[in-house]
Amino acid sequence: MRDDEQGVSGAAVIATAVATKFASVIASVTKTVALDLTPMNTGSRLRGIGRYVAGLASGVRGMSDADRAGLAITGLLSDAPWDAGPMFDPTLRYTGGTRGVPGPIGSRVRHIARRWTLYRRLRAAGVDLLHATEPGGRAPTADVPYVVTCYDLIPLILGDLYRGWAPFSLQRRERFARAWYLGARRVIAISESTRRDLVERIGVDPARVDVVPCGVDHERFNTSREDGEAERVRAALGTSRPFLLYVGAADARKNLPFLIEAYAKSGAAAGADLVLAGDVPHRIVVTLRGVAQRAGVEGRVLFAGFVPDEIVPAMYRTCLGHVFASAYEGFGLPVAEAMACGAPTATTFRTSLAEVAGDAALELPCDAMDGAAAAIGRLASDAALRDDLRRRGPIQARRFTWDACARGVVTSYRRALGG
């Protein structure tokens, strides 16, 4: 072999050795993070938590390799050892399993499985950090460090409205919450309001809380109208009149009886219906119908029930105005999504809603009937105001994206891992 050939061969050996060493160094510094996608297997899939998990996964999925350098982020799909199929989804495209949503007993069994088997399985799989996205249950053991998203502390702060049937349920709930949040490496709060509650109610060190707002899916929620969408919305709702719109649940903090009474007092019923869209239990519908009857607006308050996701943006674009009288929110996705669609919005400025609405919504006080009625009446009658809010709303909503949410969450991962 000639000297030059020997030199080339030696250089190749050295290059291979360097590459191998570099790969081993990279492997040693790359940390595996499991983003918990299991809420997509439960009833949370259809609520705000499911929207958060899906939106965050899409944001992380869209990040560049450089933005995720040093992190291997995968989706956690199963929380019990008896689940069929893979445990992880590195593509982060998981949208939910085919098994039925577990009932109360099934949910309890899964909480036990998480406590006694999941965290050990994660450690055995080489997971360095878990991002817990479903509140409740017991905090992980020391088998795996974790960060946790805190959406709100509503079950504690409004404990009288959400008191369980078991004795000392509120005290047990608070004890579990303290273990859950105080044991986390980092806590991701979806609003400044939630951060304040964590610090003041739970005693979390402010330095361990990262405020990362939720995002809006601007591909779905935008001002671009489709041909015939107004007609499809009116057919689905069963009204040909202008309408004010509420979208969401019907639990006590949403203030739906108050909203109906304020709507009646505002005089808006003369020219516009009030549509309540959401999966409202029949017993609550009966109660709300009674409120509407006593307030003199029976027949003007329409109960749309569960509305398919694909029609919700069109409802926001078609409505005369969007009204949201909630007394407490961790973030307030309906407000952000309505504004993104250009719906003139009146909302309370309580808790996080002031952060979300900014200067792009009309204040609707949830504790002053006359003020709430005046706001609804103005929204229904003042066309210039509605035009202004239609302009401001999308600008404000563009502050909230799932890409920005993903970047903030990944920054929290790095802090939790010490880098």
Protein backbone atom coordinates (compact mmCIF):
# COMPACT_ATOMS: atom_id res chain seq x y z
CA MET A 1 0.00 0.00 0.00
CA ARG A 2 1.37 3.41 -0.94
CA ASP A 3 2.00 6.03 1.73
CA ASP A 4 -0.77 8.25 0.39
CA GLU A 5 -3.23 5.34 0.50
CA GLN A 6 -2.20 4.61 4.06
CA GLY A 7 -2.77 8.29 4.89
CA VAL A 8 -6.26 8.22 3.39
CA SER A 9 -7.07 5.00 5.22
CA GLY A 10 -5.81 6.43 8.48
CA ALA A 11 -7.81 9.60 8.00
CA ALA A 12 -10.94 7.55 7.33
CA VAL A 13 -10.42 5.60 10.53
CA ILE A 14 -9.93 8.79 12.49
CA ALA A 15 -13.01 10.38 10.87
CA THR A 16 -15.10 7.33 11.70
CA ALA A 17 -13.88 7.37 15.28
CA VAL A 18 -14.62 11.08 15.62
CA ALA A 19 -18.09 10.61 14.12
CA THR A 20 -18.82 7.73 16.48
CA LYS A 21 -17.61 9.74 19.45
CA PHE A 22 -19.67 12.75 18.35
CA ALA A 23 -22.77 10.59 17.97
CA SER A 24 -22.27 9.16 21.44
CA VAL A 25 -21.86 12.64 22.90
CA ILE A 26 -25.02 13.83 21.14
CA ALA A 27 -26.88 10.78 22.43
CA SER A 28 -25.68 11.49 25.93
CA VAL A 29 -26.95 15.09 25.92
CA THR A 30 -30.24 14.45 24.10
CA LYS A 31 -33.07 14.18 26.59
CA THR A 32 -36.32 12.35 25.97
CA VAL A 33 -39.51 14.19 26.88
CA ALA A 34 -42.89 12.43 26.90
CA LEU A 35 -45.80 14.79 26.15
CA ASP A 36 -48.88 13.20 27.69
CA LEU A 37 -51.49 12.71 24.94
CA THR A 38 -53.66 10.35 27.00
CA PRO A 39 -56.37 13.02 27.59
CA MET A 40 -57.28 12.27 23.96
CA ASN A 41 -58.52 8.86 25.22
CA THR A 42 -60.95 10.35 27.76
CA GLY A 43 -63.86 12.76 27.89
CA SER A 44 -61.26 15.55 28.00
CA ARG A 45 -60.83 15.07 24.24
CA LEU A 46 -64.01 17.11 23.65
CA ARG A 47 -63.18 19.79 26.21
CA GLY A 48 -60.58 22.50 26.56
CA ILE A 49 -57.90 20.08 27.76
CA GLY A 50 -58.21 18.04 24.56
CA ARG A 51 -57.96 21.22 22.50
CA TYR A 52 -54.83 22.21 24.43
CA VAL A 53 -53.15 18.83 24.00
CA ALA A 54 -53.93 18.65 20.27
CA GLY A 55 -52.87 22.26 19.67
CA LEU A 56 -49.65 21.94 21.64
CA ALA A 57 -48.74 18.68 19.85
CA SER A 58 -49.28 20.38 16.49
CA GLY A 59 -47.08 23.30 17.56
CA VAL A 60 -44.26 21.04 18.74
CA ARG A 61 -44.58 18.97 15.58
CA GLY A 62 -44.06 22.08 13.48
CA MET A 63 -40.90 23.21 15.28
CA SER A 64 -37.59 22.96 13.45
CA ASP A 65 -34.89 20.49 14.46
CA ALA A 66 -32.79 23.44 15.62
CA ASP A 67 -35.57 24.65 17.93
CA ARG A 68 -35.81 21.16 19.44
CA ALA A 69 -32.05 20.55 19.55
CA GLY A 70 -31.11 18.29 22.43
CA LEU A 71 -34.70 17.16 22.99
CA ALA A 72 -36.44 14.09 21.65
CA ILE A 73 -40.14 14.85 22.22
CA THR A 74 -42.55 11.96 21.86
CA GLY A 75 -46.24 11.53 22.62
CA LEU A 76 -47.39 9.28 25.46
CA LEU A 77 -50.38 7.25 24.24
CA SER A 78 -51.19 4.79 27.02
CA ASP A 79 -51.22 5.00 30.79
CA ALA A 80 -52.01 1.39 31.70
CA PRO A 81 -49.95 -1.78 31.07
CA TRP A 82 -52.94 -3.63 29.59
CA ASP A 83 -53.44 -1.12 26.75
CA ALA A 84 -52.92 -2.56 23.27
CA GLY A 85 -50.74 -0.79 20.74
CA PRO A 86 -47.60 1.32 21.10
CA MET A 87 -46.86 3.31 24.22
CA PHE A 88 -45.37 6.28 22.34
CA ASP A 89 -45.99 8.27 19.17
CA PRO A 90 -42.89 10.22 18.09
CA THR A 91 -44.90 11.81 15.24
CA LEU A 92 -47.18 13.62 17.77
CA ARG A 93 -50.15 13.09 15.43
CA TYR A 94 -52.28 11.03 17.81
CA THR A 95 -55.94 12.12 17.92
CA GLY A 96 -57.41 9.53 20.28
CA GLY A 97 -57.89 5.83 20.74
CA THR A 98 -60.76 3.70 19.52
CA ARG A 99 -61.74 2.38 22.94
CA GLY A 100 -64.74 3.89 24.69
CA VAL A 101 -64.36 6.80 27.06
CA PRO A 102 -63.87 5.34 30.55
CA GLY A 103 -66.55 5.85 33.17
CA PRO A 104 -65.90 6.86 36.80
CA ILE A 105 -64.68 3.40 37.81
CA GLY A 106 -62.50 3.03 34.71
CA SER A 107 -61.02 6.47 35.30
CA ARG A 108 -60.20 5.59 38.89
CA VAL A 109 -58.52 2.35 37.82
CA ARG A 110 -56.41 4.29 35.32
CA HIS A 111 -55.37 6.80 37.98
CA ILE A 112 -54.19 3.88 40.10
CA ALA A 113 -52.32 2.41 37.12
CA ARG A 114 -50.60 5.74 36.51
CA ARG A 115 -49.53 5.92 40.13
CA TRP A 116 -48.19 2.39 40.45
CA THR A 117 -47.01 1.40 36.96
CA LEU A 118 -46.80 4.27 34.47
CA TYR A 119 -43.93 6.24 35.96
CA ARG A 120 -41.77 3.14 36.36
CA ARG A 121 -42.50 2.17 32.76
CA LEU A 122 -41.49 5.65 31.61
CA ARG A 123 -38.21 5.41 33.48
CA ALA A 124 -37.55 1.96 32.03
CA ALA A 125 -38.17 3.39 28.55
CA GLY A 126 -35.50 6.05 29.12
CA VAL A 127 -37.85 9.02 29.50
CA ASP A 128 -36.06 11.93 31.19
CA LEU A 129 -39.08 14.20 31.66
CA LEU A 130 -42.87 13.79 31.57
CA HIS A 131 -45.15 16.66 30.60
CA ALA A 132 -48.36 15.91 32.50
CA THR A 133 -51.35 17.51 30.77
CA GLU A 134 -54.30 16.02 32.68
CA PRO A 135 -55.02 17.47 36.13
CA GLY A 136 -56.09 15.31 39.03
CA GLY A 137 -54.90 12.03 40.40
CA ARG A 138 -51.78 11.62 42.47
CA ALA A 139 -48.42 13.14 41.74
CA PRO A 140 -45.81 10.93 40.08
CA THR A 141 -43.29 9.15 42.26
CA ALA A 142 -39.59 9.91 42.07
CA ASP A 143 -39.26 7.48 39.16
CA VAL A 144 -39.50 10.28 36.59
CA PRO A 145 -39.26 14.10 36.86
CA TYR A 146 -42.22 16.00 35.47
CA VAL A 147 -43.57 19.35 34.43
CA VAL A 148 -47.30 19.96 34.61
CA THR A 149 -49.70 22.31 32.88
CA CYS A 150 -52.04 24.10 35.25
CA TYR A 151 -55.16 25.29 33.46
CA ASP A 152 -56.86 26.72 36.55
CA LEU A 153 -57.57 26.10 40.23
CA ILE A 154 -61.33 26.36 39.83
CA PRO A 155 -62.13 23.20 41.88
CA LEU A 156 -60.32 24.81 44.84
CA ILE A 157 -61.15 28.50 44.45
CA LEU A 158 -64.80 27.80 43.66
CA GLY A 159 -64.92 24.77 45.92
CA ASP A 160 -68.47 25.43 47.11
CA LEU A 161 -69.70 25.10 43.51
CA TYR A 162 -67.76 21.89 42.87
CA ARG A 163 -67.98 20.14 46.20
CA GLY A 164 -67.82 16.34 45.91
CA TRP A 165 -70.13 13.88 47.61
CA ALA A 166 -67.41 12.37 49.83
CA PRO A 167 -66.63 13.85 53.25
CA PHE A 168 -63.74 16.34 53.27
CA SER A 169 -63.59 16.24 49.46
CA LEU A 170 -62.35 19.83 49.22
CA GLN A 171 -59.56 19.19 51.75
CA ARG A 172 -58.48 16.05 49.90
CA ARG A 173 -58.56 17.92 46.60
CA GLU A 174 -56.34 20.66 48.01
CA ARG A 175 -53.89 18.13 49.47
CA PHE A 176 -53.57 16.35 46.12
CA ALA A 177 -53.16 19.68 44.28
CA ARG A 178 -50.31 20.69 46.57
CA ALA A 179 -48.52 17.39 46.03
CA TRP A 180 -49.12 17.63 42.27
CA TYR A 181 -47.86 21.17 41.72
CA LEU A 182 -45.22 21.42 44.44
CA GLY A 183 -43.61 18.18 43.26
CA ALA A 184 -43.18 19.37 39.66
CA ARG A 185 -39.86 20.61 38.29
CA ARG A 186 -41.77 23.40 36.51
CA VAL A 187 -45.43 24.42 36.37
CA ILE A 188 -46.75 25.79 33.07
CA ALA A 189 -49.60 28.25 33.71
CA ILE A 190 -51.81 29.13 30.76
CA SER A 191 -52.35 32.71 31.97
CA GLU A 192 -50.99 35.27 34.43
CA SER A 193 -54.21 34.84 36.38
CA THR A 194 -53.54 31.12 36.82
CA ARG A 195 -49.94 31.88 37.85
CA ARG A 196 -51.18 34.20 40.60
CA ASP A 197 -53.57 31.54 41.87
CA LEU A 198 -50.76 28.95 41.97
CA VAL A 199 -48.54 31.26 43.99
CA GLU A 200 -51.22 32.55 46.36
CA ARG A 201 -53.34 29.42 46.87
CA ILE A 202 -50.85 26.55 46.52
CA GLY A 203 -47.63 28.32 47.49
CA VAL A 204 -45.70 27.46 44.32
CA ASP A 205 -42.43 29.38 44.04
CA PRO A 206 -43.02 32.04 41.34
CA ALA A 207 -39.58 31.24 39.91
CA ARG A 208 -40.81 27.74 39.02
CA VAL A 209 -43.88 28.93 37.09
CA ASP A 210 -43.73 29.58 33.34
CA VAL A 211 -46.65 31.51 31.86
CA VAL A 212 -47.37 30.10 28.39
CA PRO A 213 -50.76 31.14 26.95
CA CYS A 214 -52.88 28.78 24.87
CA GLY A 215 -53.06 29.17 21.12
CA VAL A 216 -55.76 29.53 18.51
CA ASP A 217 -55.99 27.31 15.44
CA HIS A 218 -56.04 30.15 12.92
CA GLU A 219 -56.54 27.76 10.01
CA ARG A 220 -60.00 27.01 11.45
CA PHE A 221 -60.83 30.19 13.32
CA ASN A 222 -60.48 33.14 10.95
CA THR A 223 -62.54 35.74 9.13
CA SER A 224 -62.65 33.94 5.76
CA ARG A 225 -66.29 33.21 4.98
CA GLU A 226 -67.33 30.20 2.94
CA ASP A 227 -70.09 30.30 0.33
CA GLY A 228 -73.47 29.61 1.89
CA GLU A 229 -72.20 29.30 5.45
CA ALA A 230 -74.71 31.76 6.89
CA GLU A 231 -77.58 29.74 5.44
CA ARG A 232 -76.12 26.49 6.81
CA VAL A 233 -75.73 28.01 10.28
CA ARG A 234 -79.27 29.35 10.36
CA ALA A 235 -80.64 26.00 9.21
CA ALA A 236 -78.67 24.22 11.94
CA LEU A 237 -79.87 26.64 14.62
CA GLY A 238 -83.45 26.89 13.40
CA THR A 239 -83.64 30.67 13.29
CA SER A 240 -83.78 33.25 10.53
CA ARG A 241 -83.35 36.18 12.92
CA PRO A 242 -80.09 37.85 13.93
CA PHE A 243 -78.65 36.13 16.99
CA LEU A 244 -76.29 36.62 19.88
CA LEU A 245 -74.17 33.55 20.54
CA TYR A 246 -72.79 31.74 23.57
CA VAL A 247 -70.59 28.64 23.08
CA GLY A 248 -69.49 26.47 25.98
CA ALA A 249 -70.48 24.41 28.97
CA ALA A 250 -73.25 25.16 31.45
CA ASP A 251 -71.63 24.71 34.85
CA ALA A 252 -72.34 27.32 37.50
CA ARG A 253 -69.39 29.64 36.88
CA LYS A 254 -70.55 30.19 33.28
CA ASN A 255 -73.45 32.29 34.64
CA LEU A 256 -76.04 31.25 32.05
CA PRO A 257 -79.12 32.18 34.16
CA PHE A 258 -77.55 35.61 34.70
CA LEU A 259 -76.82 35.90 30.96
CA ILE A 260 -80.44 35.08 30.05
CA GLU A 261 -81.81 37.61 32.54
CA ALA A 262 -79.39 40.31 31.33
CA TYR A 263 -80.37 39.56 27.73
CA ALA A 264 -84.04 39.93 28.66
CA LYS A 265 -83.45 43.20 30.48
CA SER A 266 -81.34 44.61 27.63
CA GLY A 267 -84.25 44.71 25.18
CA ALA A 268 -82.13 42.91 22.58
CA ALA A 269 -84.77 40.17 22.27
CA ALA A 270 -86.87 42.48 20.14
CA GLY A 271 -84.40 42.14 17.28
CA ALA A 272 -82.14 39.18 18.03
CA ASP A 273 -82.34 35.70 19.52
CA LEU A 274 -79.90 34.35 22.10
CA VAL A 275 -78.38 31.02 21.03
CA LEU A 276 -76.74 28.81 23.66
CA ALA A 277 -74.52 26.23 21.95
CA GLY A 278 -72.94 23.39 23.88
CA ASP A 279 -73.56 19.93 25.27
CA VAL A 280 -75.87 21.04 28.10
CA PRO A 281 -77.48 18.33 30.27
CA HIS A 282 -81.26 18.09 29.91
CA ARG A 283 -81.93 19.00 33.55
CA ILE A 284 -80.01 22.27 33.10
CA VAL A 285 -81.84 23.03 29.87
CA VAL A 286 -85.13 22.64 31.76
CA THR A 287 -83.89 25.07 34.42
CA LEU A 288 -82.71 27.60 31.85
CA ARG A 289 -85.99 27.40 29.96
CA GLY A 290 -87.70 28.29 33.21
CA VAL A 291 -85.41 31.30 33.65
CA ALA A 292 -86.21 32.45 30.10
CA GLN A 293 -89.95 32.00 30.67
CA ARG A 294 -89.92 34.03 33.90
CA ALA A 295 -87.83 36.72 32.21
CA GLY A 296 -90.33 37.01 29.35
CA VAL A 297 -88.00 35.81 26.57
CA GLU A 298 -89.27 32.25 26.13
CA GLY A 299 -88.93 31.34 22.46
CA ARG A 300 -86.15 33.88 21.96
CA VAL A 301 -83.56 31.76 23.84
CA LEU A 302 -82.55 28.84 21.63
CA PHE A 303 -80.70 25.72 22.84
CA ALA A 304 -78.54 24.45 19.98
CA GLY A 305 -77.05 21.54 21.93
CA PHE A 306 -73.77 19.99 20.84
CA VAL A 307 -72.55 21.66 17.66
CA PRO A 308 -70.02 19.86 15.40
CA ASP A 309 -66.59 21.48 15.41
CA GLU A 310 -66.73 22.26 11.71
CA ILE A 311 -69.70 24.63 12.09
CA VAL A 312 -68.46 26.58 15.14
CA PRO A 313 -66.24 29.07 13.21
CA ALA A 314 -69.13 29.77 10.82
CA MET A 315 -71.38 30.45 13.82
CA TYR A 316 -68.91 33.01 15.13
CA ARG A 317 -68.69 34.68 11.71
CA THR A 318 -72.47 34.73 11.31
CA CYS A 319 -73.62 35.90 14.74
CA LEU A 320 -74.57 39.47 15.54
CA GLY A 321 -72.33 39.27 18.59
CA HIS A 322 -70.68 36.82 20.98
CA VAL A 323 -71.55 37.04 24.70
CA PHE A 324 -69.54 35.34 27.45
CA ALA A 325 -70.51 36.00 31.07
CA SER A 326 -68.21 33.51 32.82
CA ALA A 327 -67.09 34.45 36.33
CA TYR A 328 -63.86 32.46 36.18
CA GLU A 329 -61.63 31.08 33.42
CA GLY A 330 -58.12 29.70 33.31
CA PHE A 331 -57.70 31.14 29.82
CA GLY A 332 -60.93 31.52 27.82
CA LEU A 333 -60.50 29.82 24.44
CA PRO A 334 -64.05 30.66 23.25
CA VAL A 335 -63.29 34.37 23.57
CA ALA A 336 -60.01 34.10 21.64
CA GLU A 337 -61.57 31.91 18.94
CA ALA A 338 -64.63 34.14 18.57
CA MET A 339 -62.46 37.23 18.16
CA ALA A 340 -60.25 35.39 15.64
CA CYS A 341 -63.40 34.88 13.53
CA GLY A 342 -64.33 38.55 13.80
CA ALA A 343 -67.28 38.04 16.15
CA PRO A 344 -67.99 41.27 18.08
CA THR A 345 -67.51 40.06 21.64
CA ALA A 346 -68.77 41.15 25.04
CA THR A 347 -67.14 39.31 27.94
CA THR A 348 -66.36 39.62 31.59
CA PHE A 349 -62.90 40.93 32.39
CA ARG A 350 -62.56 38.59 35.37
CA THR A 351 -59.47 36.42 35.92
CA SER A 352 -57.74 35.56 32.62
CA LEU A 353 -60.42 37.00 30.35
CA ALA A 354 -59.00 40.51 30.58
CA GLU A 355 -55.67 39.14 29.30
CA VAL A 356 -57.32 37.36 26.39
CA ALA A 357 -59.72 40.14 25.39
CA GLY A 358 -57.31 43.06 25.70
CA ASP A 359 -58.90 46.16 24.16
CA ALA A 360 -60.77 44.12 21.54
CA ALA A 361 -63.94 43.29 23.49
CA LEU A 362 -66.73 45.09 25.31
CA GLU A 363 -66.82 44.50 29.06
CA LEU A 364 -69.83 42.55 30.29
CA PRO A 365 -69.80 42.57 34.11
CA CYS A 366 -70.91 39.26 35.62
CA ASP A 367 -71.92 40.72 38.98
CA ALA A 368 -73.97 43.77 37.95
CA MET A 369 -77.24 43.08 36.15
CA ASP A 370 -77.79 46.63 34.93
CA GLY A 371 -74.25 46.88 33.56
CA ALA A 372 -74.50 43.49 31.84
CA ALA A 373 -77.86 44.39 30.29
CA ALA A 374 -76.46 47.70 29.04
CA ALA A 375 -73.47 45.95 27.44
CA ILE A 376 -75.68 43.38 25.67
CA GLY A 377 -78.06 46.07 24.51
CA ARG A 378 -75.21 48.15 23.14
CA LEU A 379 -73.65 45.17 21.35
CA ALA A 380 -77.00 44.37 19.70
CA SER A 381 -77.87 47.93 18.66
CA ASP A 382 -74.59 49.75 17.90
CA ALA A 383 -73.40 48.81 14.41
CA ALA A 384 -70.37 51.12 14.58
CA LEU A 385 -69.25 49.40 17.80
CA ARG A 386 -69.62 45.98 16.19
CA ASP A 387 -67.58 47.08 13.18
CA ASP A 388 -64.82 48.32 15.49
CA LEU A 389 -64.77 45.06 17.45
CA ARG A 390 -64.73 43.04 14.23
CA ARG A 391 -61.56 44.91 13.29
CA ARG A 392 -59.87 44.71 16.69
CA GLY A 393 -60.73 41.11 17.50
CA PRO A 394 -58.64 39.28 14.90
CA ILE A 395 -55.65 41.52 15.64
CA GLN A 396 -55.80 40.64 19.34
CA ALA A 397 -56.38 36.94 18.63
CA ARG A 398 -53.26 36.73 16.47
CA ARG A 399 -51.24 37.11 19.68
CA PHE A 400 -52.20 33.53 20.53
CA THR A 401 -50.77 30.74 18.37
CA TRP A 402 -49.94 27.11 19.05
CA ASP A 403 -46.49 27.69 17.56
CA ALA A 404 -45.76 30.30 20.23
CA CYS A 405 -47.26 28.02 22.88
CA ALA A 406 -44.98 25.16 21.77
CA ARG A 407 -41.88 27.36 21.92
CA GLY A 408 -42.76 28.49 25.44
CA VAL A 409 -43.41 24.92 26.58
CA VAL A 410 -40.12 23.67 25.12
CA THR A 411 -38.32 26.47 26.95
CA SER A 412 -39.95 25.19 30.14
CA TYR A 413 -38.69 21.67 29.34
CA ARG A 414 -35.14 22.99 29.08
CA ARG A 415 -35.42 24.78 32.40
CA ALA A 416 -36.78 21.65 34.04
CA LEU A 417 -33.86 19.64 32.67
CA GLY A 418 -31.37 22.17 33.93
CA GLY A 419 -30.41 23.77 30.63
